[in-house]
Protein backbone atom coordinates (compact mmCIF):
# COMPACT_ATOMS: atom_id res chain seq x y z
CA MET A 1 74.04 116.89 141.62
CA SER A 2 74.33 118.16 137.69
CA ALA A 3 71.81 117.40 134.72
CA ALA A 4 74.74 115.04 132.94
CA LYS A 5 74.07 112.61 135.78
CA HIS A 6 70.54 112.07 134.55
CA GLU A 7 71.55 111.69 130.82
CA LYS A 8 70.66 107.96 129.79
CA PRO A 9 74.35 106.21 129.69
CA GLY A 10 75.89 107.07 126.20
CA LEU A 11 73.71 110.28 125.17
CA LEU A 12 76.48 111.99 125.81
CA ALA A 13 79.22 110.53 124.11
CA ARG A 14 77.08 111.02 121.17
CA ARG A 15 76.07 114.19 121.22
CA ALA A 16 79.72 114.96 121.52
CA ALA A 17 80.30 113.46 118.63
CA ILE A 18 77.59 115.29 116.81
CA SER A 19 78.67 118.57 117.66
CA LEU A 20 82.66 117.50 116.65
CA LEU A 21 81.02 116.55 113.63
CA GLN A 22 79.29 119.19 112.88
CA GLY A 23 82.51 121.91 114.25
CA VAL A 24 84.46 119.73 110.94
CA THR A 25 81.65 119.45 107.97
CA LEU A 26 80.19 122.91 109.26
CA ASP A 27 82.47 125.01 111.07
CA GLN A 28 86.02 123.34 108.76
CA GLN A 29 87.64 123.45 111.86
CA PRO A 30 90.14 120.68 112.27
CA LEU A 31 89.27 117.72 114.52
CA ASP A 32 92.46 117.71 116.12
CA GLN A 33 92.17 121.11 117.32
CA LEU A 34 88.63 120.32 118.64
CA LEU A 35 89.17 117.46 120.55
CA GLU A 36 91.35 119.93 122.72
CA ALA A 37 88.54 122.78 122.41
CA ASN A 38 84.85 121.52 122.51
CA ALA A 39 83.29 121.76 125.52
CA GLU A 40 81.16 118.47 124.96
CA PHE A 41 84.04 116.37 124.07
CA ARG A 42 85.88 117.36 127.48
CA LEU A 43 83.49 116.71 129.84
CA LEU A 44 84.12 113.35 128.79
CA GLU A 45 85.80 110.91 130.57
CA GLY A 46 87.29 107.67 129.73
CA ARG A 47 85.22 104.84 127.65
CA ASP A 48 83.35 107.63 126.51
CA ARG A 49 85.61 109.68 125.32
CA SER A 50 87.46 107.21 123.01
CA PHE A 51 83.82 106.25 121.88
CA ALA A 52 82.92 109.46 120.50
CA HIS A 53 86.23 110.35 118.85
CA ALA A 54 86.09 106.98 117.12
CA LEU A 55 82.19 107.53 116.64
CA VAL A 56 83.32 110.78 114.65
CA ALA A 57 86.28 109.67 113.12
CA LEU A 58 84.30 106.69 111.57
CA SER A 59 81.36 108.89 110.78
CA LEU A 60 84.01 110.97 108.78
CA ARG A 61 86.09 108.40 107.09
CA HIS A 62 83.16 106.44 105.93
CA GLY A 63 81.24 109.65 105.15
CA GLY A 64 80.19 109.22 101.72
CA GLU A 65 79.14 105.36 102.53
CA ILE A 66 76.98 106.26 105.19
CA LYS A 67 75.20 109.09 102.89
CA ALA A 68 74.98 106.84 100.08
CA VAL A 69 73.17 104.12 102.47
CA LEU A 70 71.00 106.62 104.15
CA GLY A 71 69.81 107.67 100.60
CA LYS A 72 68.33 104.12 99.52
CA PHE A 73 65.91 104.83 102.61
CA LEU A 74 65.09 108.35 102.76
CA ALA A 75 62.44 109.20 100.36
CA LYS A 76 64.22 112.53 99.89
CA PRO A 77 66.98 114.64 101.68
CA LEU A 78 66.31 115.70 104.81
CA PRO A 79 65.26 119.97 104.54
CA ARG A 80 67.66 122.47 105.97
CA SER A 81 65.15 123.28 108.58
CA SER A 82 65.57 119.50 110.60
CA GLY A 83 68.17 121.19 112.65
CA MET A 84 70.72 118.34 113.83
CA ALA A 85 68.68 115.32 111.96
CA VAL A 86 71.24 114.43 109.27
CA ASP A 87 73.92 114.47 111.89
CA ILE A 88 72.00 112.35 114.18
CA LEU A 89 71.40 109.77 111.52
CA ILE A 90 74.70 110.10 110.13
CA ILE A 91 76.48 109.24 113.73
CA ALA A 92 73.54 106.29 114.25
CA ALA A 93 74.49 104.59 111.02
CA ALA A 94 78.17 104.94 111.40
CA GLN A 95 77.58 102.89 114.87
CA LEU A 96 74.89 100.34 112.89
CA LEU A 97 77.25 99.76 110.07
CA PHE A 98 81.19 99.91 111.33
CA MET A 99 81.00 99.46 115.08
CA GLU A 100 80.07 96.80 117.04
CA VAL A 101 76.67 98.59 118.71
CA SER A 102 73.35 97.30 119.97
CA PRO A 103 70.61 98.13 117.18
CA HIS A 104 68.37 99.27 119.89
CA ALA A 105 70.89 101.17 121.62
CA ALA A 106 72.02 102.98 118.34
CA ILE A 107 68.69 104.10 117.72
CA ASP A 108 66.88 104.83 121.11
CA LEU A 109 69.37 107.11 121.88
CA SER A 110 69.47 108.91 118.08
CA VAL A 111 65.75 109.16 118.75
CA ASP A 112 66.21 110.64 122.11
CA LEU A 113 68.72 113.01 121.14
CA ALA A 114 66.08 114.23 117.98
CA LYS A 115 63.76 114.84 120.51
CA GLN A 116 66.25 117.37 122.76
CA ASP A 117 66.54 119.42 119.20
CA LYS A 118 64.17 121.84 118.45
CA LYS A 119 64.39 121.44 114.82
CA ALA A 120 64.96 117.94 114.68
CA GLN A 121 62.39 116.85 117.24
CA HIS A 122 59.45 116.98 114.35
CA PHE A 123 61.39 114.20 112.36
CA SER A 124 62.05 111.99 115.43
CA GLY A 125 59.62 109.60 113.84
CA LEU A 126 61.66 109.10 110.60
CA ILE A 127 65.03 108.67 112.32
CA ASN A 128 63.47 105.61 114.16
CA ALA A 129 61.98 104.31 110.82
CA VAL A 130 65.06 105.07 109.17
CA LEU A 131 67.75 103.78 111.39
CA ARG A 132 65.27 100.44 111.49
CA LYS A 133 65.93 99.75 108.24
CA VAL A 134 69.56 100.46 108.27
CA SER A 135 70.10 98.01 111.41
CA THR A 136 68.43 95.13 109.23
CA ASP A 137 69.24 96.31 105.39
CA GLY A 138 72.52 98.48 105.75
CA LYS A 139 75.27 96.49 106.08
CA ALA A 140 73.65 94.38 102.34
CA ALA A 141 73.46 97.87 101.03
CA LEU A 142 76.83 98.63 101.84
CA LYS A 143 78.89 95.83 100.13
CA ASN A 144 77.40 96.79 97.02
CA LEU A 145 78.86 100.05 97.33
CA ASP A 146 82.25 101.47 95.81
CA GLY A 147 83.60 102.75 99.26
CA ALA A 148 87.14 103.96 98.11
CA ARG A 149 85.27 106.35 95.51
CA LEU A 150 82.38 107.30 97.57
CA ASN A 151 84.50 108.57 99.84
CA THR A 152 86.90 110.41 97.99
CA PRO A 153 85.95 114.02 96.86
CA ASP A 154 86.13 114.56 93.12
CA TRP A 155 88.56 117.09 92.54
CA LEU A 156 90.72 114.81 94.48
CA TRP A 157 90.12 112.08 92.46
CA GLU A 158 90.47 113.68 89.36
CA GLN A 159 93.92 114.71 90.85
CA TRP A 160 95.17 111.24 91.78
CA VAL A 161 94.17 109.65 88.69
CA ALA A 162 95.64 112.36 86.55
CA ALA A 163 99.19 111.97 88.69
CA TYR A 164 99.11 108.16 89.44
CA GLY A 165 96.49 106.23 86.77
CA GLU A 166 93.11 105.03 87.80
CA LYS A 167 94.23 101.54 89.46
CA THR A 168 96.65 103.38 91.61
CA ALA A 169 94.13 106.54 92.67
CA ARG A 170 91.59 103.50 93.63
CA ASP A 171 94.39 101.99 96.36
CA ILE A 172 95.07 105.59 97.68
CA ALA A 173 91.36 105.71 98.31
CA ALA A 174 91.37 102.27 99.65
CA SER A 175 93.86 102.75 101.95
CA HIS A 176 92.05 105.77 103.49
CA LEU A 177 89.15 103.64 104.86
CA HIS A 178 91.57 101.86 107.24
CA GLU A 179 93.05 103.50 110.39
CA ALA A 180 96.33 104.42 110.53
CA PRO A 181 99.20 101.94 112.87
CA LEU A 182 100.96 104.21 115.70
CA ASP A 183 104.39 104.45 114.80
CA ILE A 184 107.24 105.51 117.00
CA SER A 185 111.05 106.82 116.03
CA VAL A 186 113.91 106.13 118.44
CA LYS A 187 117.12 107.67 119.64
CA ASP A 188 118.87 104.60 118.74
CA LYS A 189 119.03 100.79 119.54
CA PRO A 190 115.97 100.07 117.44
CA GLU A 191 116.04 95.99 118.16
CA ARG A 192 115.73 96.42 121.60
CA TRP A 193 112.82 98.78 121.37
CA ALA A 194 111.14 96.62 118.90
CA GLU A 195 111.38 93.83 121.31
CA GLN A 196 110.27 95.79 124.45
CA LEU A 197 107.45 97.51 122.67
CA LYS A 198 106.07 94.43 121.22
CA GLY A 199 106.22 96.11 117.75
CA GLU A 200 107.40 95.68 114.71
CA LEU A 201 110.58 96.69 112.96
CA LEU A 202 110.23 98.02 109.87
CA PRO A 203 112.93 98.01 107.57
CA THR A 204 113.80 101.88 107.38
CA GLY A 205 114.22 101.96 111.97
CA THR A 206 110.83 103.03 112.25
CA ILE A 207 109.40 100.70 115.02
CA ARG A 208 105.05 100.16 114.29
CA LEU A 209 102.48 99.17 117.25
CA GLU A 210 99.59 97.15 116.64
CA SER A 211 97.05 99.64 117.95
CA GLY A 212 96.90 103.42 117.41
CA ASP A 213 94.78 103.98 120.32
CA SER A 214 97.80 102.83 122.93
CA ASN A 215 98.36 104.98 125.99
CA LEU A 216 101.53 106.72 125.27
CA GLN A 217 102.60 107.91 128.49
CA ALA A 218 102.35 104.18 130.04
CA LEU A 219 105.17 102.42 127.32
CA PRO A 220 108.34 101.73 128.08
CA GLY A 221 110.44 104.63 127.06
CA PHE A 222 108.28 107.23 126.96
CA SER A 223 108.90 109.00 130.64
CA ALA A 224 112.60 108.33 129.56
CA GLY A 225 112.60 110.37 126.27
CA GLU A 226 113.63 107.70 124.39
CA TRP A 227 111.28 107.70 121.62
CA TRP A 228 108.35 109.81 119.94
CA VAL A 229 105.32 109.63 117.14
CA GLN A 230 106.28 110.03 113.92
CA ASP A 231 104.85 108.10 110.77
CA ALA A 232 107.28 105.66 108.80
CA ALA A 233 107.03 108.25 106.12
CA SER A 234 107.75 111.49 107.91
CA ALA A 235 110.92 109.94 108.87
CA LEU A 236 112.31 109.68 105.64
CA PRO A 237 113.07 112.70 104.49
CA ALA A 238 115.68 113.65 107.64
CA LYS A 239 117.59 110.38 106.30
CA LEU A 240 118.71 112.14 102.86
CA LEU A 241 120.81 114.30 104.62
CA GLY A 242 123.04 111.55 105.27
CA ASP A 243 125.81 111.74 107.82
CA ILE A 244 125.07 115.16 109.55
CA LYS A 245 127.10 115.18 113.08
CA GLY A 246 128.96 117.81 114.07
CA ARG A 247 127.17 119.67 111.13
CA SER A 248 124.74 122.54 111.11
CA VAL A 249 120.99 121.88 109.96
CA LEU A 250 118.51 124.71 109.57
CA ASP A 251 114.47 122.77 109.99
CA LEU A 252 112.36 124.92 108.90
CA CYS A 253 108.43 124.54 110.01
CA ALA A 254 109.80 121.90 112.66
CA ALA A 255 106.93 121.74 114.72
CA PRO A 256 105.73 119.44 116.27
CA GLY A 257 109.09 118.47 115.81
CA GLY A 258 109.68 114.33 114.84
CA LYS A 259 112.16 115.53 112.07
CA THR A 260 114.06 117.88 114.63
CA ALA A 261 114.27 114.67 117.17
CA GLN A 262 115.90 112.84 114.34
CA LEU A 263 118.31 115.53 113.34
CA ALA A 264 119.21 116.07 116.88
CA SER A 265 119.79 112.53 117.66
CA ALA A 266 121.85 112.07 114.83
CA GLY A 267 124.26 114.27 116.38
CA ALA A 268 123.36 117.62 114.31
CA ILE A 269 123.61 121.30 115.20
CA VAL A 270 120.12 121.69 115.10
CA THR A 271 118.23 125.29 114.82
CA ALA A 272 114.51 124.73 114.30
CA VAL A 273 112.42 127.76 113.29
CA ASP A 274 108.31 127.12 113.13
CA ASP A 275 106.29 130.39 113.26
CA SER A 276 103.41 129.29 115.37
CA LEU A 277 103.92 129.95 119.27
CA THR A 278 101.40 126.87 120.23
CA ARG A 279 103.50 124.19 117.63
CA MET A 280 106.97 125.76 118.87
CA ASN A 281 105.59 125.80 122.66
CA ARG A 282 104.53 121.88 121.65
CA LEU A 283 108.07 121.31 120.15
CA ARG A 284 109.73 122.50 122.81
CA GLU A 285 108.38 120.46 125.30
CA ASN A 286 108.48 117.46 123.02
CA LEU A 287 112.33 118.15 122.75
CA ALA A 288 112.68 118.96 126.67
CA ARG A 289 111.17 115.30 126.90
CA LEU A 290 113.70 113.95 124.78
CA LYS A 291 116.16 115.76 126.52
CA LEU A 292 117.65 116.76 123.15
CA GLN A 293 119.37 120.11 122.72
CA VAL A 294 118.27 122.33 119.70
CA THR A 295 118.11 126.08 119.10
CA THR A 296 114.80 127.66 118.85
CA LEU A 297 113.60 130.34 116.90
CA LEU A 298 109.67 131.43 116.70
CA ALA A 299 109.90 133.54 112.94
CA ASP A 300 108.32 133.57 109.83
CA VAL A 301 110.82 131.07 107.19
CA LEU A 302 110.16 134.46 104.46
CA SER A 303 111.77 137.01 106.85
CA LEU A 304 114.71 134.95 107.94
CA PRO A 305 118.08 136.98 107.65
CA THR A 306 120.56 135.38 104.58
CA ASP A 307 123.68 136.33 106.29
CA THR A 308 123.49 133.11 108.01
CA LEU A 309 124.27 129.77 106.33
CA TYR A 310 124.10 126.02 106.91
CA ASN A 311 125.36 123.09 105.57
CA ASN A 312 122.04 121.42 105.50
CA VAL A 313 118.67 123.04 105.23
CA LEU A 314 114.96 120.88 105.80
CA LEU A 315 112.14 122.29 104.50
CA ASP A 316 108.89 120.59 105.49
CA ALA A 317 106.83 122.80 103.79
CA PRO A 318 103.02 123.78 104.49
CA CYS A 319 100.65 122.06 102.20
CA SER A 320 97.19 120.44 101.66
CA ALA A 321 98.52 117.26 103.65
CA THR A 322 96.49 114.98 101.88
CA GLY A 323 99.21 111.98 102.34
CA THR A 324 97.97 112.17 105.68
CA ILE A 325 93.78 111.52 105.42
CA ARG A 326 94.27 108.29 106.48
CA ARG A 327 95.34 109.47 109.52
CA HIS A 328 93.03 112.75 109.57
CA PRO A 329 89.54 111.98 107.93
CA ASP A 330 88.68 115.30 108.50
CA LEU A 331 90.69 116.94 105.80
CA ILE A 332 88.79 115.87 103.04
CA TYR A 333 86.36 118.51 104.19
CA LEU A 334 88.58 121.10 104.90
CA LYS A 335 90.95 121.08 101.82
CA SER A 336 90.08 122.47 98.31
CA PRO A 337 91.29 123.75 95.43
CA GLN A 338 91.40 126.98 95.62
CA GLN A 339 93.39 126.20 99.25
CA VAL A 340 96.20 123.96 97.13
CA ALA A 341 96.55 126.67 94.79
CA GLY A 342 97.37 129.09 97.36
CA LEU A 343 99.75 126.91 99.22
CA VAL A 344 101.89 126.19 96.20
CA SER A 345 102.31 130.04 95.68
CA LEU A 346 103.42 129.81 99.73
CA GLN A 347 105.69 126.89 99.02
CA GLN A 348 108.01 128.16 95.69
CA LYS A 349 108.30 131.56 97.73
CA MET A 350 109.26 129.31 100.84
CA LEU A 351 111.85 127.10 98.80
CA SER A 352 113.20 129.74 97.11
CA HIS A 353 114.36 131.84 100.46
CA ALA A 354 115.24 128.34 102.18
CA ALA A 355 117.81 128.06 99.16
CA ARG A 356 119.31 131.28 100.16
CA LEU A 357 120.36 129.71 103.57
CA VAL A 358 122.67 126.94 102.48
CA ARG A 359 126.21 127.21 101.67
CA PRO A 360 127.81 126.36 98.67
CA GLY A 361 128.50 122.49 98.97
CA GLY A 362 125.48 122.12 101.34
CA LYS A 363 121.95 120.20 100.69
CA LEU A 364 118.50 121.40 100.62
CA VAL A 365 115.87 118.68 101.16
CA TYR A 366 112.09 120.02 100.12
CA CYS A 367 109.19 117.69 101.24
CA THR A 368 105.28 117.84 101.61
CA CYS A 369 103.21 115.45 103.07
CA SER A 370 100.66 115.71 99.68
CA LEU A 371 99.72 113.53 97.05
CA SER A 372 100.01 116.36 94.35
CA PRO A 373 102.83 116.73 91.78
CA LEU A 374 101.86 120.82 92.47
CA GLU A 375 103.17 120.45 95.58
CA GLY A 376 105.81 118.27 95.22
CA GLU A 377 108.00 117.20 91.98
CA ARG A 378 106.49 120.40 89.95
CA GLN A 379 107.50 122.74 92.57
CA VAL A 380 110.86 121.11 92.70
CA PHE A 381 111.85 121.14 88.51
CA ASN A 382 110.19 124.83 88.74
CA PHE A 383 112.38 125.74 91.45
CA LEU A 384 115.38 123.97 89.18
CA ARG A 385 114.59 126.05 86.69
CA ALA A 386 115.08 129.08 88.24
CA HIS A 387 118.22 128.50 90.33
CA GLU A 388 120.92 127.28 88.47
CA ASP A 389 123.35 127.45 91.30
CA PHE A 390 121.68 124.21 92.24
CA GLU A 391 121.28 120.38 91.17
CA LEU A 392 119.06 118.12 91.95
CA SER A 393 121.08 115.44 94.03
CA THR A 394 118.94 111.84 93.10
CA ILE A 395 118.50 109.93 95.41
CA VAL A 396 118.86 105.97 95.53
CA PRO A 397 117.82 102.87 97.55
CA ASP A 398 121.05 103.32 99.90
CA ASP A 399 119.44 106.46 100.93
CA LEU A 400 116.22 104.99 101.93
CA ALA A 401 117.46 101.81 103.80
CA ARG A 402 117.01 99.98 100.50
CA GLN A 403 113.39 100.82 99.79
CA ALA A 404 113.60 101.46 96.13
CA GLN A 405 109.59 101.20 95.98
CA PHE A 406 109.81 105.18 97.41
CA ILE A 407 111.79 106.28 94.67
CA THR A 408 111.02 107.85 91.35
CA PRO A 409 112.40 107.15 88.19
CA ALA A 410 113.85 111.05 87.96
CA GLY A 411 115.49 110.17 91.71
CA LEU A 412 113.08 111.88 94.04
CA MET A 413 111.50 110.59 96.85
CA ARG A 414 107.48 109.91 96.26
CA CYS A 415 105.67 107.28 99.17
CA LEU A 416 101.98 106.33 98.90
CA PRO A 417 99.53 105.27 101.38
CA SER A 418 98.82 102.59 99.45
CA MET A 419 102.60 101.19 99.64
CA ALA A 420 103.52 98.16 101.53
CA ILE A 421 106.35 98.35 103.74
CA GLY A 422 106.89 95.54 106.78
CA LYS A 423 104.15 93.45 106.96
CA GLY A 424 102.01 94.89 104.84
CA SER A 425 100.52 98.11 106.98
CA GLY A 426 101.00 101.14 104.59
CA LEU A 427 102.25 104.72 105.41
CA ASP A 428 101.57 108.19 104.82
CA GLY A 429 102.08 109.81 101.28
CA PHE A 430 105.19 112.27 100.94
CA PHE A 431 107.48 113.56 98.80
CA ALA A 432 110.93 114.48 99.14
CA ALA A 433 113.40 116.13 96.89
CA ARG A 434 117.37 116.60 97.33
CA LEU A 435 118.94 119.77 96.08
CA GLU A 436 122.82 120.65 96.45
CA ARG A 437 123.79 124.26 96.26
CA ARG A 438 127.18 124.40 93.52
């Protein structure tokens, strides 16, 4: 019989959550990758796996608030020699403040975890005392905190205030405190599928389901390849190409393939390019399930030969992905201003090279899931100054299902997580521009 059989119920799930949390905050690894590779998490099954995932996501999403609450009940910060003690406190506080977990279970198992760690065991008594205070007074302390500001790094907050003003910056940060819904795109007949899946049909054609934790493979239409997961914002840039039936489209940085599937479903002759074998294999698996025919090419965008030109090119450039924080709360721990500067340089090179692949009279759509104008508006205007053979093709409401709120005065697409669509839920932050070659 394995040692795991002798562990208290729930202990392994909490230990896995701590391991995942440290993987993000200490090792700077994306949570999605850790969920696939972390040995402790992979040992979990069913409810324990779901609990551990939810626990680490909450700990990341509300990290600033949790640390502020803990700080009220700690006389001084724990020393570096305390091992897992800090992470044990964070994981436990997440349970006490944001989950319907018995205080006794959260505190008792946290003390057990501390006693199992050579460095943290010396702080087990302190952990017990602090968590008892959190269980009785923590929620009252939480009410007086500015959650939107506390959970947002200074550099991001300052960037959003400069770009959008303080009110909108606060609205963006507040939207990140809530888990993103599950959005899907369908090949056709969205009204029928919205009814069958019991979802909300958004004005843009996306179907929104109530829970992001649905068992996708069990839903109608999954195995038949009728739909795929894609945030409502991510589904907008491909619409900017208009009627593409029978026309060639080069889809750059294509994986995991949501936009690729859109283009192929619309009847385009699609060539999808990505430089990651892992991501390309995922794209190919998705397209096989969807029964869509696409030419795939494993290559670096900057190495593509320019002797073949296309009617349309879609470049979803690598970016800081700050528009997806509500979906990926680990991002605020992984990104930095220095990384953004490097991405801006790469985007500029990719955009210039992508332009050389467009036929005269053809369209180039550039998009990113970043909230930074450096990776969006400024990138495009710098490109236009350097490429006189291209002009901006302004976006109008009809291009986006009459959703004028997503169009800037300059005719660019800019949606923010704080913007409402449908019954009121938001969508990822996204930028897109449509350029035309003379």
